[in-house]
Protein backbone atom coordinates (compact mmCIF):
# COMPACT_ATOMS: atom_id res chain seq x y z
CA GLY A 1 7.11 -30.01 -6.42
CA THR A 2 4.91 -26.94 -6.11
CA SER A 3 1.78 -26.23 -4.12
CA ARG A 4 -0.46 -23.31 -3.22
CA GLN A 5 0.44 -21.81 0.16
CA ILE A 6 -1.32 -19.39 2.47
CA PRO A 7 0.71 -16.14 2.29
CA GLN A 8 3.61 -15.89 4.73
CA THR A 9 3.63 -12.13 4.09
CA ILE A 10 0.81 -9.71 3.30
CA ILE A 11 1.02 -6.15 2.00
CA ILE A 12 -1.78 -4.66 4.13
CA GLY A 13 -1.86 -1.17 2.63
CA VAL A 14 -2.21 1.66 2.31
CA ARG A 15 -4.48 2.47 -0.65
CA LYS A 16 -2.70 4.84 -3.09
CA GLY A 17 0.51 4.34 -1.14
CA GLY A 18 2.38 2.35 -3.79
CA THR A 19 1.21 -1.19 -3.01
CA ARG A 20 1.15 -2.27 -6.68
CA ALA A 21 4.65 -0.88 -7.30
CA LEU A 22 5.94 -2.65 -4.19
CA LEU A 23 4.38 -5.99 -5.17
CA GLU A 24 5.66 -5.82 -8.77
CA MET A 25 9.16 -4.90 -7.59
CA LEU A 26 9.26 -7.72 -5.03
CA ASP A 27 8.13 -10.12 -7.74
CA ILE A 28 11.63 -9.75 -9.23
CA HIS A 29 12.99 -11.82 -6.32
CA PRO A 30 13.34 -15.54 -7.16
CA ASN A 31 12.22 -16.51 -3.63
CA ILE A 32 8.97 -14.56 -3.87
CA VAL A 33 5.73 -15.41 -5.66
CA VAL A 34 2.84 -12.97 -5.70
CA ALA A 35 -0.94 -13.25 -5.94
CA ALA A 36 -2.16 -11.76 -9.22
CA THR A 37 -5.14 -9.86 -7.83
CA GLU A 38 -6.29 -8.16 -4.64
CA VAL A 39 -8.12 -10.88 -2.74
CA HIS A 40 -10.05 -8.85 -0.11
CA PHE A 41 -10.31 -11.96 2.06
CA PHE A 42 -9.89 -10.35 5.46
CA ASP A 43 -11.84 -7.12 4.87
CA TRP A 44 -14.89 -8.34 2.91
CA ASP A 45 -17.28 -10.53 4.92
CA GLU A 46 -18.67 -12.19 1.78
CA ASN A 47 -15.16 -13.50 1.00
CA TYR A 48 -14.12 -14.29 4.57
CA VAL A 49 -17.05 -16.68 5.06
CA LYS A 50 -15.72 -18.77 2.14
CA GLY A 51 -12.92 -19.93 4.42
CA VAL A 52 -9.18 -20.28 4.34
CA ASP A 53 -9.14 -23.08 1.73
CA TRP A 54 -10.86 -20.73 -0.71
CA TYR A 55 -8.22 -18.10 0.13
CA ARG A 56 -5.40 -20.59 -0.48
CA SER A 57 -6.94 -21.60 -3.83
CA LEU A 58 -6.38 -18.04 -5.11
CA MET A 59 -2.64 -18.12 -4.38
CA PRO A 60 0.02 -18.94 -7.00
CA PHE A 61 1.89 -22.25 -6.97
CA SER A 62 5.21 -22.02 -5.13
CA TYR A 63 8.24 -24.10 -4.25
CA GLY A 64 9.19 -24.82 -0.63
CA ASN A 65 11.88 -22.11 -0.61
CA GLN A 66 9.50 -19.39 -1.84
CA ILE A 67 7.41 -16.89 0.09
CA THR A 68 3.87 -16.19 -1.11
CA ILE A 69 2.81 -12.54 -0.89
CA GLU A 70 -0.70 -11.15 -1.26
CA LYS A 71 -1.62 -7.46 -1.30
CA THR A 72 -4.94 -5.85 -0.50
CA PRO A 73 -4.61 -2.16 0.46
CA GLY A 74 -8.07 -2.18 2.08
CA TYR A 75 -6.76 -4.32 4.94
CA PHE A 76 -4.97 -1.45 6.69
CA THR A 77 -8.14 0.57 7.27
CA SER A 78 -10.40 -2.44 7.97
CA SER A 79 -11.61 -2.94 11.53
CA GLN A 80 -11.74 -6.77 11.22
CA ALA A 81 -8.59 -7.51 9.18
CA PRO A 82 -6.01 -7.33 12.03
CA GLU A 83 -7.79 -9.92 14.19
CA ARG A 84 -8.67 -12.16 11.25
CA ILE A 85 -5.09 -12.23 9.94
CA HIS A 86 -3.82 -12.89 13.47
CA ASP A 87 -6.28 -15.80 13.81
CA MET A 88 -4.90 -17.32 10.61
CA ASN A 89 -1.21 -16.85 11.45
CA SER A 90 -0.11 -14.94 14.55
CA SER A 91 3.56 -14.90 13.45
CA ILE A 92 2.96 -13.57 9.92
CA LYS A 93 5.10 -10.72 8.58
CA LEU A 94 3.25 -7.65 7.35
CA LEU A 95 4.32 -4.97 4.89
CA LEU A 96 2.79 -1.51 5.11
CA ILE A 97 3.69 1.10 2.50
CA LEU A 98 2.86 4.70 3.39
CA ARG A 99 3.34 8.09 1.79
CA ASP A 100 2.70 11.69 2.81
CA PRO A 101 -0.95 11.60 3.98
CA THR A 102 -1.94 14.76 2.09
CA GLU A 103 -0.45 13.42 -1.16
CA ARG A 104 -2.30 10.16 -0.51
CA VAL A 105 -5.64 12.02 -0.17
CA ILE A 106 -5.06 13.84 -3.48
CA SER A 107 -4.05 10.57 -5.18
CA ASP A 108 -7.16 8.88 -3.78
CA TYR A 109 -9.33 11.68 -5.18
CA THR A 110 -7.50 11.48 -8.56
CA GLN A 111 -8.23 7.76 -8.94
CA VAL A 112 -11.93 8.24 -8.16
CA TYR A 113 -12.06 11.30 -10.46
CA TYR A 114 -10.70 9.36 -13.47
CA ASN A 115 -12.86 6.32 -12.70
CA ARG A 116 -15.95 8.54 -12.68
CA LEU A 117 -14.92 10.26 -15.91
CA GLU A 118 -14.46 6.89 -17.63
CA SER A 119 -17.89 5.76 -16.38
CA HIS A 120 -19.47 9.04 -17.57
CA LYS A 121 -20.46 9.96 -14.01
CA PRO A 122 -20.44 13.53 -12.69
CA VAL A 123 -17.21 14.72 -11.03
CA GLN A 124 -16.49 17.32 -8.36
CA LEU A 125 -13.50 19.57 -7.83
CA PHE A 126 -11.14 18.44 -5.09
CA GLU A 127 -11.74 21.62 -3.07
CA ASP A 128 -15.54 21.14 -3.21
CA ILE A 129 -15.23 17.71 -1.60
CA VAL A 130 -12.52 18.52 0.94
CA ILE A 131 -14.05 21.79 2.16
CA LYS A 132 -17.62 21.87 3.48
CA ASN A 133 -19.11 25.10 4.88
CA GLY A 134 -15.68 26.69 5.00
CA ALA A 135 -14.13 23.92 7.12
CA LEU A 136 -12.17 20.77 6.34
CA ASN A 137 -14.49 17.84 5.62
CA THR A 138 -12.79 15.35 7.95
CA LYS A 139 -15.52 12.77 7.25
CA TYR A 140 -14.31 12.48 3.64
CA LYS A 141 -13.23 8.83 3.27
CA ALA A 142 -9.91 9.74 1.65
CA ILE A 143 -8.99 11.87 4.69
CA GLN A 144 -10.07 9.09 7.07
CA ARG A 145 -7.80 6.63 5.25
CA SER A 146 -4.81 8.92 5.84
CA LEU A 147 -5.15 8.87 9.65
CA TYR A 148 -2.34 6.37 9.97
CA ASP A 149 -2.18 6.54 13.77
CA VAL A 150 -5.86 5.59 14.13
CA HIS A 151 -5.49 2.51 11.93
CA MET A 152 -2.08 1.48 13.27
CA GLU A 153 -3.49 1.34 16.78
CA LYS A 154 -5.76 -1.55 15.71
CA TRP A 155 -2.85 -3.50 14.21
CA LEU A 156 -0.64 -3.06 17.26
CA LYS A 157 -3.34 -4.68 19.40
CA HIS A 158 -2.70 -7.94 17.53
CA PHE A 159 0.87 -7.73 16.19
CA SER A 160 4.18 -6.59 17.62
CA LEU A 161 5.96 -3.74 15.88
CA ASP A 162 8.76 -6.06 14.72
CA GLN A 163 6.20 -8.02 12.62
CA ILE A 164 5.24 -4.91 10.64
CA HIS A 165 7.76 -3.39 8.23
CA ILE A 166 6.92 0.10 7.00
CA VAL A 167 8.05 0.94 3.48
CA ASP A 168 8.48 4.62 2.67
CA GLY A 169 6.33 5.06 -0.45
CA ASN A 170 7.80 8.48 -1.26
CA THR A 171 11.31 6.99 -1.29
CA LEU A 172 10.32 3.81 -3.17
CA ILE A 173 9.18 5.88 -6.16
CA LYS A 174 12.34 8.05 -6.21
CA ASP A 175 14.94 5.38 -5.40
CA PRO A 176 13.48 1.85 -5.18
CA LEU A 177 16.54 -0.27 -4.38
CA PRO A 178 17.31 0.76 -0.75
CA GLU A 179 13.66 0.29 0.27
CA LEU A 180 13.52 -3.15 -1.38
CA GLN A 181 16.77 -4.22 0.28
CA LYS A 182 15.22 -3.39 3.66
CA VAL A 183 12.26 -5.62 2.76
CA GLU A 184 14.63 -8.45 1.76
CA ARG A 185 16.29 -8.21 5.19
CA PHE A 186 12.93 -8.06 6.98
CA LEU A 187 11.82 -11.25 5.18
CA ASN A 188 15.19 -12.94 5.82
CA LEU A 189 15.74 -13.40 2.10
CA PRO A 190 19.07 -13.40 0.26
CA SER A 191 19.81 -10.11 -1.47
CA ARG A 192 18.76 -10.66 -5.09
CA ILE A 193 17.20 -7.39 -6.24
CA MET A 194 19.75 -5.12 -7.94
CA SER A 195 19.92 -1.61 -9.36
CA SER A 196 20.04 -3.13 -12.87
CA ASN A 197 16.44 -4.31 -12.29
CA PHE A 198 15.22 -0.71 -12.62
CA TYR A 199 15.35 2.01 -15.20
CA PHE A 200 13.84 5.48 -15.07
CA ASN A 201 11.10 6.15 -17.59
CA GLN A 202 11.25 9.85 -18.48
CA THR A 203 7.77 9.84 -20.03
CA LYS A 204 6.04 8.33 -17.02
CA GLY A 205 8.29 10.03 -14.48
CA PHE A 206 8.93 6.90 -12.40
CA TYR A 207 10.97 3.72 -12.37
CA CYS A 208 10.06 0.70 -14.47
CA ILE A 209 11.18 -2.89 -13.97
CA ARG A 210 13.66 -5.00 -15.90
CA SER A 211 13.87 -8.72 -15.08
CA ASP A 212 14.11 -12.06 -16.89
CA GLY A 213 15.03 -10.19 -20.07
CA ARG A 214 11.72 -8.29 -20.02
CA GLU A 215 10.91 -4.68 -19.30
CA ARG A 216 7.62 -3.59 -17.79
CA CYS A 217 6.09 -0.44 -16.38
CA LEU A 218 3.13 -0.09 -14.07
CA HIS A 219 -0.33 0.23 -15.62
CA GLU A 220 -1.13 3.60 -17.23
CA SER A 221 -3.59 4.29 -14.39
CA LYS A 222 -0.52 4.69 -12.14
CA GLY A 223 1.24 8.03 -11.98
CA ARG A 224 -1.68 10.06 -13.31
CA PRO A 225 -1.21 13.82 -12.96
CA HIS A 226 -2.72 15.22 -9.76
CA PRO A 227 -4.91 18.33 -9.87
CA LEU A 228 -3.35 21.61 -8.75
CA VAL A 229 -4.77 22.16 -5.29
CA ASN A 230 -5.49 25.56 -3.76
CA SER A 231 -2.59 26.41 -1.40
CA THR A 232 -4.93 27.38 1.47
CA VAL A 233 -6.66 24.00 1.25
CA LEU A 234 -3.28 22.25 1.15
CA GLU A 235 -2.22 24.10 4.28
CA GLN A 236 -5.45 23.05 6.03
CA LEU A 237 -4.72 19.41 5.20
CA TYR A 238 -1.08 19.66 6.36
CA SER A 239 -2.23 21.26 9.58
CA TYR A 240 -4.91 18.62 10.20
CA PHE A 241 -2.53 15.70 9.68
CA ARG A 242 0.38 17.18 11.67
CA GLU A 243 -0.77 15.92 15.06
CA HIS A 244 -1.82 12.52 13.68
CA ASN A 245 1.57 12.14 11.99
CA ALA A 246 3.43 13.02 15.20
CA LYS A 247 1.41 10.41 17.09
CA PHE A 248 2.12 7.82 14.38
CA TYR A 249 5.89 8.55 14.51
CA ARG A 250 5.85 7.90 18.26
CA MET A 251 3.92 4.65 17.76
CA VAL A 252 6.40 3.22 15.26
CA ASN A 253 9.58 4.85 16.63
CA HIS A 254 10.32 6.33 13.24
CA SER A 255 9.84 9.70 11.53
CA PHE A 256 9.01 10.34 7.90
CA ASP A 257 9.56 13.36 5.72
CA TRP A 258 5.88 14.33 5.58
CA HIS A 259 4.40 17.82 5.74
C-alpha cells in the first residue's frame, strides 16, 4: 500500500541554518517520511533536465496519510528554484529555517575550513576572506547567502507568504519542541512530537533525538566549534546585515532576535 510521492513539503534552506536538524526532528512524526539525501533537483540544471519522474524515484515509499519531505538548502539562494517548484506544484508548502545571518556566515566558513583541512587543501583565516583592502568583502559567497531579503523577494514572486513557514534556527537548537509544534500546525498534522523525543547532549552542546526506542545525534560534522572572530570584523558584519534584516522582517511580518 505504499508508493513514492513527489514531496508535498520542501525544506528550501538556508545552508548552515539547521536544515539537517529540522529534517531529522520532523522524521520522528509518524505522518512524515523524509528523503535520505539532498536531491538538488530544482537548483542544478543537470538534475532538473532528468525530469519529475527521476525526482520522484529518489523519494522514500510512503502511505497515503504520510507527507513526503525533501530538503536541499541550496534552493533558497537559487534563482531558478522558486519558479521550478511552483511549476511542479503551485500549492506546495515550504519550510525555511534561518538563523542570525552573521552566525550563518561564520558557520559556512567553518564547514568549508574543515572540508579543506580534511582534503589537505590550503585554508585562510576568516578575517582574511571577509575583509579585503580594509573593507567588508560583500562578494564573499557566504555573505551573499545571508542576504535573506534578496532571496526571499524571489520566492514571494511565486508563493504567498502563508505557503512559507519560517523556522527560527537559533530557537530550534536551544528548545526544539515549540518550533516543531509550529511546523506540525503549518502542515495540518496531528501533534505527535513530544519533549520526551529529545535529550540534551552535554558533550555536543545540543539536543539529540530519541524515537522508536533508539537514540541518535546529528553527524559529528554538526556543531563544530566556530573560530573566535575579531570583534571589529563582527561589528562590520552586524552593521552590514542590519538594513537587510530590517527589510526581511517587513517582508515576512515577523522579527527575529538577530544582531
